[in-house]
Protein backbone atom coordinates (compact mmCIF):
# COMPACT_ATOMS: atom_id res chain seq x y z
CA UNK A 1 20.12 -16.45 -9.76
CA UNK A 2 17.56 -15.17 -12.17
CA UNK A 3 15.15 -13.66 -10.38
CA UNK A 4 12.07 -12.16 -12.37
CA UNK A 5 9.49 -9.43 -10.80
CA UNK A 6 6.17 -9.61 -11.82
CA UNK A 7 4.57 -6.06 -11.41
CA UNK A 8 6.31 -2.41 -11.26
CA UNK A 9 4.16 -0.69 -8.61
CA UNK A 10 5.71 0.92 -5.48
CA UNK A 11 6.24 -3.23 -3.69
CA UNK A 12 7.70 -4.36 -6.88
CA UNK A 13 10.55 -1.55 -8.05
CA UNK A 14 11.22 -2.07 -3.68
CA UNK A 15 11.55 -6.03 -4.46
CA UNK A 16 13.72 -5.54 -7.37
CA UNK A 17 15.94 -3.06 -5.56
CA UNK A 18 16.65 -5.43 -2.96
CA UNK A 19 16.72 -8.37 -4.84
CA UNK A 20 19.71 -6.81 -6.88
CA UNK A 21 21.52 -5.44 -4.01
CA UNK A 22 21.00 -9.13 -2.56
CA UNK A 23 23.40 -9.99 -6.16
CA UNK A 24 20.76 -11.61 -8.02
CA UNK A 25 19.90 -11.00 -11.81
CA UNK A 26 16.96 -9.34 -11.69
CA UNK A 27 13.99 -8.57 -14.41
CA UNK A 28 11.02 -6.74 -13.60
CA UNK A 29 7.78 -6.77 -16.35
CA UNK A 30 5.11 -4.60 -16.18
CA UNK A 31 2.06 -3.39 -18.77
CA UNK A 32 2.38 0.08 -18.35
CA UNK A 33 5.27 2.24 -19.82
CA UNK A 34 6.86 2.75 -16.70
CA UNK A 35 7.34 2.46 -12.65
CA UNK A 36 4.44 3.24 -10.40
CA UNK A 37 1.87 3.97 -12.75
CA UNK A 38 -1.18 2.37 -11.39
CA UNK A 39 -1.86 2.09 -7.91
CA UNK A 40 1.40 3.98 -6.86
CA UNK A 41 0.74 6.89 -8.80
CA UNK A 42 -0.94 9.59 -6.85
CA UNK A 43 -1.78 7.56 -3.44
CA UNK A 44 -1.93 9.46 -0.25
CA UNK A 45 1.65 9.92 0.29
CA UNK A 46 1.93 8.75 3.86
CA UNK A 47 4.49 6.44 5.55
CA UNK A 48 2.48 5.61 8.35
CA UNK A 49 3.26 3.03 11.15
CA UNK A 50 0.55 4.51 13.31
CA UNK A 51 -2.26 3.88 10.78
CA UNK A 52 -2.28 0.08 12.40
CA UNK A 53 -5.88 -0.15 13.00
CA UNK A 54 -7.37 -2.78 10.64
CA UNK A 55 -10.31 -2.16 8.86
CA UNK A 56 -11.63 -5.67 10.24
CA UNK A 57 -12.38 -4.41 14.41
CA UNK A 58 -14.80 -5.46 16.57
CA UNK A 59 -17.02 -1.98 15.37
CA UNK A 60 -16.84 -2.36 11.62
CA UNK A 61 -19.55 -4.76 11.14
CA UNK A 62 -21.56 -1.86 12.51
CA UNK A 63 -20.30 0.82 10.46
CA UNK A 64 -20.43 -0.97 7.17
CA UNK A 65 -24.16 -1.58 8.14
CA UNK A 66 -24.83 2.18 8.53
CA UNK A 67 -22.43 3.17 5.04
CA UNK A 68 -24.18 0.14 3.02
CA UNK A 69 -26.37 2.69 1.01
CA UNK A 70 -24.17 5.66 1.14
CA UNK A 71 -22.46 6.47 -1.85
CA UNK A 72 -20.32 8.73 -0.06
CA UNK A 73 -19.53 6.04 2.51
CA UNK A 74 -15.67 5.77 4.01
CA UNK A 75 -15.81 2.13 3.43
CA UNK A 76 -18.36 0.87 0.92
CA UNK A 77 -19.41 -2.77 -0.13
CA UNK A 78 -20.70 -2.21 -3.41
CA UNK A 79 -22.68 -5.81 -3.44
CA UNK A 80 -22.26 -8.10 -6.57
CA UNK A 81 -22.93 -11.13 -7.46
CA UNK A 82 -19.36 -12.09 -7.00
CA UNK A 83 -18.66 -15.01 -4.97
CA UNK A 84 -14.83 -14.19 -4.42
CA UNK A 85 -16.48 -10.33 -3.10
CA UNK A 86 -19.06 -12.98 -0.81
CA UNK A 87 -15.78 -14.92 0.47
CA UNK A 88 -13.43 -11.89 1.22
CA UNK A 89 -16.45 -10.16 3.11
CA UNK A 90 -16.74 -13.11 4.96
CA UNK A 91 -13.03 -13.70 5.92
CA UNK A 92 -13.56 -9.95 6.82
CA UNK A 93 -16.28 -10.75 9.21
CA UNK A 94 -14.22 -13.40 10.77
CA UNK A 95 -11.35 -10.74 11.23
CA UNK A 96 -13.41 -8.25 13.52
CA UNK A 97 -12.80 -10.40 16.73
CA UNK A 98 -10.88 -8.51 19.47
CA UNK A 99 -8.27 -11.59 19.34
CA UNK A 100 -7.46 -11.46 15.61
CA UNK A 101 -7.92 -7.53 16.04
CA UNK A 102 -4.85 -7.41 18.37
CA UNK A 103 -2.62 -10.25 15.87
CA UNK A 104 -3.29 -7.92 12.87
CA UNK A 105 -2.22 -4.60 14.46
CA UNK A 106 1.07 -6.24 15.27
CA UNK A 107 1.92 -7.52 12.43
CA UNK A 108 1.02 -4.25 10.78
CA UNK A 109 3.54 -2.17 13.57
CA UNK A 110 5.83 -4.86 13.38
CA UNK A 111 6.14 -4.78 9.69
CA UNK A 112 5.80 -0.59 9.34
CA UNK A 113 8.47 0.00 11.68
CA UNK A 114 10.85 -2.14 10.12
CA UNK A 115 9.95 -0.67 6.46
CA UNK A 116 10.12 3.06 8.10
CA UNK A 117 13.69 2.09 9.10
CA UNK A 118 14.56 0.62 5.79
CA UNK A 119 13.56 3.25 3.84
CA UNK A 120 15.25 5.91 5.81
CA UNK A 121 18.49 3.39 5.41
CA UNK A 122 17.86 3.45 1.33
CA UNK A 123 17.65 7.51 1.59
CA UNK A 124 20.57 7.76 3.56
CA UNK A 125 22.57 5.29 0.98
CA UNK A 126 20.98 6.74 -2.03
CA UNK A 127 20.09 10.25 -1.46
CA UNK A 128 17.11 9.84 -3.50
CA UNK A 129 14.18 12.71 -2.65
CA UNK A 130 10.53 12.25 -3.30
CA UNK A 131 9.85 15.56 -1.67
CA UNK A 132 9.56 13.80 1.63
CA UNK A 133 8.59 15.36 5.11
CA UNK A 134 9.37 13.84 8.29
CA UNK A 135 7.84 16.17 10.84
CA UNK A 136 5.44 13.18 11.55
CA UNK A 137 1.88 12.52 11.17
CA UNK A 138 -0.83 14.13 13.32
CA UNK A 139 -4.32 11.54 13.38
CA UNK A 140 -7.07 14.22 14.45
CA UNK A 141 -10.93 13.26 15.66
CA UNK A 142 -14.09 15.45 15.41
CA UNK A 143 -16.14 12.84 17.07
CA UNK A 144 -16.05 11.59 20.98
CA UNK A 145 -16.88 8.30 20.06
CA UNK A 146 -14.01 7.81 17.20
CA UNK A 147 -11.87 9.24 19.65
CA UNK A 148 -12.60 7.26 22.61
CA UNK A 149 -12.59 4.05 20.42
CA UNK A 150 -9.18 5.17 19.34
CA UNK A 151 -7.72 4.66 22.89
CA UNK A 152 -7.55 1.03 22.88
CA UNK A 153 -5.83 0.32 19.41
CA UNK A 154 -3.36 3.27 20.11
CA UNK A 155 -2.51 1.62 23.47
CA UNK A 156 -1.83 -1.55 21.41
CA UNK A 157 0.34 0.46 19.06
CA UNK A 158 2.61 1.55 21.98
CA UNK A 159 3.10 -1.94 23.68
CA UNK A 160 4.42 -2.95 19.80
CA UNK A 161 6.87 0.13 19.77
CA UNK A 162 5.03 2.60 17.79
CA UNK A 163 5.67 6.20 19.38
CA UNK A 164 2.09 7.20 19.60
CA UNK A 165 1.19 10.41 22.23
CA UNK A 166 -2.64 11.18 22.37
CA UNK A 167 -3.20 15.49 21.86
CA UNK A 168 -5.30 17.47 23.10
CA UNK A 169 -7.28 19.77 20.29
CA UNK A 170 -5.12 22.99 21.43
CA UNK A 171 -1.92 21.04 20.96
CA UNK A 172 -3.59 19.48 17.51
CA UNK A 173 -3.57 23.06 16.60
CA UNK A 174 -0.02 23.98 17.96
CA UNK A 175 1.39 21.05 15.80
CA UNK A 176 -0.61 22.18 12.12
CA UNK A 177 -1.69 25.51 12.52
CA UNK A 178 -3.83 25.60 9.55
CA UNK A 179 -6.42 23.16 11.74
CA UNK A 180 -6.98 26.71 13.75
CA UNK A 181 -10.06 26.76 11.19
CA UNK A 182 -11.61 24.13 12.59
CA UNK A 183 -10.56 24.36 16.39
CA UNK A 184 -14.08 24.16 17.09
CA UNK A 185 -14.60 21.02 15.66
CA UNK A 186 -11.68 18.90 17.05
CA UNK A 187 -11.92 16.58 20.48
CA UNK A 188 -8.49 15.37 20.15
CA UNK A 189 -5.99 13.59 18.11
CA UNK A 190 -2.66 11.38 18.29
CA UNK A 191 0.69 12.30 16.88
CA UNK A 192 3.29 10.22 15.64
CA UNK A 193 6.51 12.19 15.50
CA UNK A 194 8.57 9.63 13.41
CA UNK A 195 6.18 8.72 10.39
CA UNK A 196 6.99 10.52 6.94
CA UNK A 197 5.20 11.09 4.18
CA UNK A 198 6.00 11.90 0.45
CA UNK A 199 5.42 11.62 -3.23
CA UNK A 200 5.09 7.27 -4.16
CA UNK A 201 5.06 8.09 -7.98
CA UNK A 202 8.36 10.10 -7.58
CA UNK A 203 10.17 7.79 -5.03
CA UNK A 204 8.93 4.55 -7.66
CA UNK A 205 10.18 6.03 -10.18
CA UNK A 206 13.84 7.41 -9.24
CA UNK A 207 14.24 4.00 -7.56
CA UNK A 208 12.83 2.29 -10.35
CA UNK A 209 16.34 4.52 -12.62
CA UNK A 210 18.85 3.42 -9.80
CA UNK A 211 17.81 -0.42 -10.18
CA UNK A 212 18.46 0.61 -14.32
CA UNK A 213 21.60 1.82 -13.20
CA UNK A 214 22.63 -1.18 -10.71
CA UNK A 215 21.85 -3.67 -13.68
CA UNK A 216 17.64 -4.64 -13.43
CA UNK A 217 16.51 -5.08 -16.96
CA UNK A 218 13.05 -3.41 -17.35
CA UNK A 219 10.37 -4.95 -19.50
CA UNK A 220 7.74 -2.10 -19.90
CA UNK A 221 4.29 -2.45 -22.28
CA UNK A 222 4.51 -6.02 -22.12
CA UNK A 223 1.82 -8.18 -20.30
CA UNK A 224 1.86 -11.17 -18.77
CA UNK A 225 -0.08 -13.84 -20.44
CA UNK A 226 0.48 -17.14 -19.39
CA UNK A 227 2.67 -19.40 -17.19
CA UNK A 228 4.30 -22.68 -17.95
CA UNK A 229 4.65 -25.25 -14.70
CA UNK A 230 6.80 -28.28 -14.46
CA UNK A 231 5.59 -30.16 -11.16
CA UNK A 232 5.57 -28.04 -8.37
CA UNK A 233 7.52 -25.38 -10.23
CA UNK A 234 7.24 -22.37 -12.99
CA UNK A 235 9.21 -22.77 -15.51
CA UNK A 236 8.22 -19.40 -17.16
CA UNK A 237 5.76 -17.03 -17.70
CA UNK A 238 4.62 -15.91 -21.05
CA UNK A 239 4.72 -12.26 -21.86
CA UNK A 240 3.21 -10.25 -24.95
CA UNK A 241 4.92 -6.97 -26.12
CA UNK A 242 3.38 -3.87 -27.45
CA UNK A 243 3.29 -5.30 -30.80
CA UNK A 244 2.38 -8.62 -29.76
CA UNK A 245 4.82 -10.43 -30.02
CA UNK A 246 4.59 -13.40 -28.05
CA UNK A 247 7.68 -14.62 -25.76
CA UNK A 248 8.82 -16.60 -22.65
CA UNK A 249 11.04 -15.61 -19.59
CA UNK A 250 12.27 -18.21 -17.75
CA UNK A 251 13.72 -17.69 -14.20
CA UNK A 252 15.38 -19.54 -11.09
CA UNK A 253 12.50 -17.17 -9.30
CA UNK A 254 9.15 -15.14 -9.55
CA UNK A 255 8.25 -12.45 -7.38
CA UNK A 256 4.53 -11.63 -7.57
CA UNK A 257 3.60 -8.12 -7.15
CA UNK A 258 0.64 -7.79 -9.02
CA UNK A 259 -1.42 -5.59 -6.60
CA UNK A 260 -5.24 -6.38 -6.70
CA UNK A 261 -4.55 -8.90 -9.76
CA UNK A 262 -2.54 -11.40 -8.03
CA UNK A 263 -5.49 -13.34 -7.13
CA UNK A 264 -6.21 -14.31 -10.97
CA UNK A 265 -2.60 -15.10 -11.36
CA UNK A 266 -2.28 -17.00 -8.00
CA UNK A 267 -5.53 -19.07 -8.90
CA UNK A 268 -3.68 -20.24 -12.49
CA UNK A 269 -1.10 -21.55 -10.48
CA UNK A 270 -3.38 -23.17 -7.90
CA UNK A 271 -3.19 -21.24 -4.94
CA UNK A 272 -6.17 -18.95 -3.43
CA UNK A 273 -5.10 -15.40 -2.11
CA UNK A 274 -8.06 -13.97 -0.39
CA UNK A 275 -7.38 -10.22 -1.96
CA UNK A 276 -10.13 -8.23 -3.08
CA UNK A 277 -9.97 -4.70 -5.01
CA UNK A 278 -10.68 -1.65 -2.77
CA UNK A 279 -10.93 0.98 -4.92
CA UNK A 280 -9.25 4.55 -3.38
CA UNK A 281 -9.70 8.32 -4.76
CA UNK A 282 -7.41 10.85 -4.30
CA UNK A 283 -7.49 14.86 -4.91
CA UNK A 284 -4.84 16.73 -5.45
CA UNK A 285 -5.07 20.65 -5.16
CA UNK A 286 -2.76 23.58 -5.63
CA UNK A 287 -1.76 25.62 -3.13
CA UNK A 288 -3.32 28.95 -3.06
CA UNK A 289 -3.61 30.09 0.03
CA UNK A 290 -0.10 29.40 1.84
CA UNK A 291 -0.99 30.67 5.38
CA UNK A 292 -4.26 28.42 5.40
CA UNK A 293 -2.38 25.11 3.88
CA UNK A 294 -1.32 21.94 6.22
CA UNK A 295 2.20 21.25 6.16
CA UNK A 296 2.22 18.29 8.74
CA UNK A 297 0.79 15.44 6.95
CA UNK A 298 -2.97 14.39 8.59
CA UNK A 299 -5.32 11.66 8.98
CA UNK A 300 -8.98 12.51 9.73
CA UNK A 301 -9.94 8.65 10.86
CA UNK A 302 -13.45 9.94 11.30
CA UNK A 303 -13.55 10.13 7.41
CA UNK A 304 -10.73 7.47 6.40
CA UNK A 305 -8.82 10.62 4.80
CA UNK A 306 -5.28 11.38 4.92
CA UNK A 307 -3.68 14.63 3.73
CA UNK A 308 0.00 15.12 2.58
CA UNK A 309 2.05 18.01 1.72
CA UNK A 310 3.88 17.23 -1.95
CA UNK A 311 5.67 20.68 -2.50
CA UNK A 312 2.94 22.91 -4.16
CA UNK A 313 0.69 20.28 -4.25
CA UNK A 314 -2.04 19.20 -1.41
CA UNK A 315 -2.68 15.51 -1.96
CA UNK A 316 -5.83 14.27 -0.06
CA UNK A 317 -6.88 10.65 -0.53
CA UNK A 318 -8.82 7.78 1.29
CA UNK A 319 -12.07 5.89 1.39
CA UNK A 320 -12.67 2.13 -0.08
CA UNK A 321 -15.40 0.92 -2.49
CA UNK A 322 -15.25 -2.98 -2.86
CA UNK A 323 -17.05 -3.27 -6.16
CA UNK A 324 -14.55 -5.43 -8.76
CA UNK A 325 -12.24 -4.17 -10.86
CA UNK A 326 -13.84 -0.77 -12.52
CA UNK A 327 -12.03 1.98 -12.30
CA UNK A 328 -14.15 4.65 -13.13
CA UNK A 329 -14.24 7.68 -11.12
CA UNK A 330 -16.91 8.53 -9.18
CA UNK A 331 -17.70 12.27 -8.94
CA UNK A 332 -20.00 11.77 -5.56
CA UNK A 333 -17.08 9.90 -3.81
CA UNK A 334 -14.62 12.87 -5.18
CA UNK A 335 -16.82 15.67 -4.31
CA UNK A 336 -17.43 14.35 -0.59
CA UNK A 337 -13.65 14.30 -0.20
CA UNK A 338 -13.61 18.13 -1.51
CA UNK A 339 -16.28 18.88 0.69
CA UNK A 340 -15.01 17.92 3.84
CA UNK A 341 -11.69 19.29 3.16
CA UNK A 342 -13.58 23.00 3.04
CA UNK A 343 -15.25 21.77 5.76
CA UNK A 344 -12.04 21.59 7.75
CA UNK A 345 -9.82 23.69 5.55
CA UNK A 346 -12.65 26.45 4.72
CA UNK A 347 -10.21 29.15 3.57
CA UNK A 348 -7.40 26.84 2.07
CA UNK A 349 -9.00 26.04 -1.60
CA UNK A 350 -12.02 26.48 -3.63
CA UNK A 351 -12.11 23.19 -4.62
CA UNK A 352 -10.93 24.17 -8.48
CA UNK A 353 -7.95 23.00 -10.70
CA UNK A 354 -8.72 19.95 -8.76
CA UNK A 355 -7.09 16.48 -9.98
CA UNK A 356 -9.04 13.53 -9.35
CA UNK A 357 -7.56 9.89 -9.66
CA UNK A 358 -8.56 6.44 -8.66
CA UNK A 359 -6.43 3.41 -8.18
CA UNK A 360 -7.57 -0.37 -6.92
CA UNK A 361 -5.37 -1.10 -3.47
CA UNK A 362 -4.80 -4.90 -2.98
CA UNK A 363 -6.83 -5.48 0.31
CA UNK A 364 -6.79 -8.60 2.27
CA UNK A 365 -9.68 -8.97 5.05
CA UNK A 366 -7.25 -8.94 7.80
CA UNK A 367 -5.23 -5.81 6.11
CA UNK A 368 -2.09 -7.85 6.60
CA UNK A 369 -0.23 -8.59 3.10
CA UNK A 370 0.39 -12.00 1.78
CA UNK A 371 4.91 -11.88 2.04
CA UNK A 372 6.68 -15.10 1.76
CA UNK A 373 6.82 -18.23 -0.20
CA UNK A 374 3.65 -19.70 -2.00
CA UNK A 375 2.63 -23.22 -2.76
CA UNK A 376 4.75 -23.08 -6.07
CA UNK A 377 8.19 -24.04 -5.25
CA UNK A 378 9.93 -20.75 -6.84
CA UNK A 379 7.31 -18.54 -6.65
CA UNK A 380 7.14 -15.77 -4.01
CA UNK A 381 4.32 -13.45 -3.03
CA UNK A 382 4.48 -9.68 -1.86
CA UNK A 383 1.26 -8.51 -2.76
CA UNK A 384 -2.13 -7.70 -0.58
CA UNK A 385 -0.64 -4.73 0.82
CA UNK A 386 -3.78 -2.37 0.79
CA UNK A 387 -3.66 0.99 1.81
CA UNK A 388 -0.17 0.39 3.21
CA UNK A 389 1.83 -0.37 0.07
CA UNK A 390 4.00 2.60 0.26
CA UNK A 391 3.89 2.57 3.95
CA UNK A 392 5.32 -1.18 3.82
CA UNK A 393 7.26 -1.31 0.43
CA UNK A 394 11.01 -1.12 1.33
CA UNK A 395 10.74 -3.64 4.68
CA UNK A 396 8.29 -6.03 2.48
CA UNK A 397 11.14 -5.79 0.03
CA UNK A 398 13.59 -6.00 1.81
CA UNK A 399 11.97 -9.36 3.28
CA UNK A 400 11.26 -10.67 0.51
CA UNK A 401 15.03 -10.72 -1.10
CA UNK A 402 15.98 -12.54 2.45
CA UNK A 403 13.29 -15.45 1.91
CA UNK A 404 14.54 -15.74 -2.17
CA UNK A 405 18.05 -15.65 -1.07
CA UNK A 406 17.09 -18.56 1.46
CA UNK A 407 17.75 -16.24 4.71
CA UNK A 408 14.76 -15.55 7.40
CA UNK A 409 14.04 -11.74 7.37
CA UNK A 410 15.12 -9.83 10.63
CA UNK A 411 11.31 -8.49 11.08
CA UNK A 412 8.69 -10.20 13.33
CA UNK A 413 6.26 -11.36 10.96
CA UNK A 414 3.59 -13.80 9.72
CA UNK A 415 5.25 -14.55 6.76
CA UNK A 416 3.84 -17.22 4.23
CA UNK A 417 5.25 -20.57 3.80
CA UNK A 418 8.14 -19.48 5.85
CA UNK A 419 8.47 -22.79 8.37
CA UNK A 420 12.36 -22.61 7.07
CA UNK A 421 13.94 -20.69 4.56
CA UNK A 422 14.22 -22.36 0.74
CA UNK A 423 16.89 -22.56 -0.91
CA UNK A 424 16.82 -22.12 -4.61
CA UNK A 425 19.86 -23.28 -7.05
CA UNK A 426 20.49 -21.04 -10.27
CA UNK A 427 19.56 -23.28 -13.06
CA UNK A 428 21.45 -21.30 -15.59
CA UNK A 429 18.87 -20.51 -18.11
CA UNK A 430 18.78 -17.56 -20.61
CA UNK A 431 17.18 -14.36 -20.29
CA UNK A 432 14.54 -14.99 -22.99
CA UNK A 433 13.46 -17.66 -25.42
CA UNK A 434 11.27 -16.47 -28.74
CA UNK A 435 8.34 -18.48 -29.62
């Protein structure tokens, strides 16, 4: 079949790769001049199965209220006269029950385990390099309450197959010696030895190059401006290139990987997706003191920050700001990240030459992404991955390729609209029609 992937972030490129491996004729459309230049560009770098506790959990409502007026809060609801934000927030509160939290953790762990294994298989098959590190991820805690609250979710993750071992403060320092500088602040940690990290943008760009070598067509600098439907099927998407020339791309199937912007396009096609942009921040610092710099990927659960070593760069990312589609940098939030880094690693950085970045992560209230069929017969969803797009990209891409191909994916996950696999028949349309 001819399949068009809408979006060239890490999830879209992974979808394109596995669709092409399944034998489909694949086209990718993106408004940027290359792959992975928006949310995938400077994220935290972790491939983290252990990052499976959703934001919506029984303890979240009180935390959100406490953080509501703090400009540097780890999770900030910037309340707006925006119906979508309020509906998202109400659904978020509904997801905070123990039963739903347990269900959502199971989905996240199952997809994460499958995705990490799929990434490892892809890496072995292609030799792709993206500054990957495979020493695991260490979660550390500087609050007794946060550490105590982490025990129940950790037990659930172990129950579902995530290898997660609790650690004493001294064991945390033994795993990552750079934490010796903050040994007095540590109360414990947990280690997932099978987790990984790497440069998501480099991975996305290099996988896109492999896709192109395998015959995938890329339409960069191209905006999706409309869609044409017939009955319950999507006939074509209308696109405009950099020169403003409008054309149509007809396909047998479409895969939506538009991140935080998926909601708008789904609504155009008559479907409601409960996705809201969660603005995340990252700071990238040069290594200026090797002895004081971390090498193992870390997670600071109390401050919702992740740390990854990318060659001679140190990437620290996190926090979430739910305040619409604004992508302006908020220096208060950026400087809060640097302040926390210097508190934990006082000799690692002077804060100079920091590169600040922000991106809109497509968050669902449950943190569980939409993967599978939609209300439109030949439109498929692979979006809403929130902070775990890099972690779940390869598993989501492999699963959506199975679903588009009429197969049931191998992973146990709550896919959308998958009562039974759909079999689509190629319509043999031309690649593009000028209008």
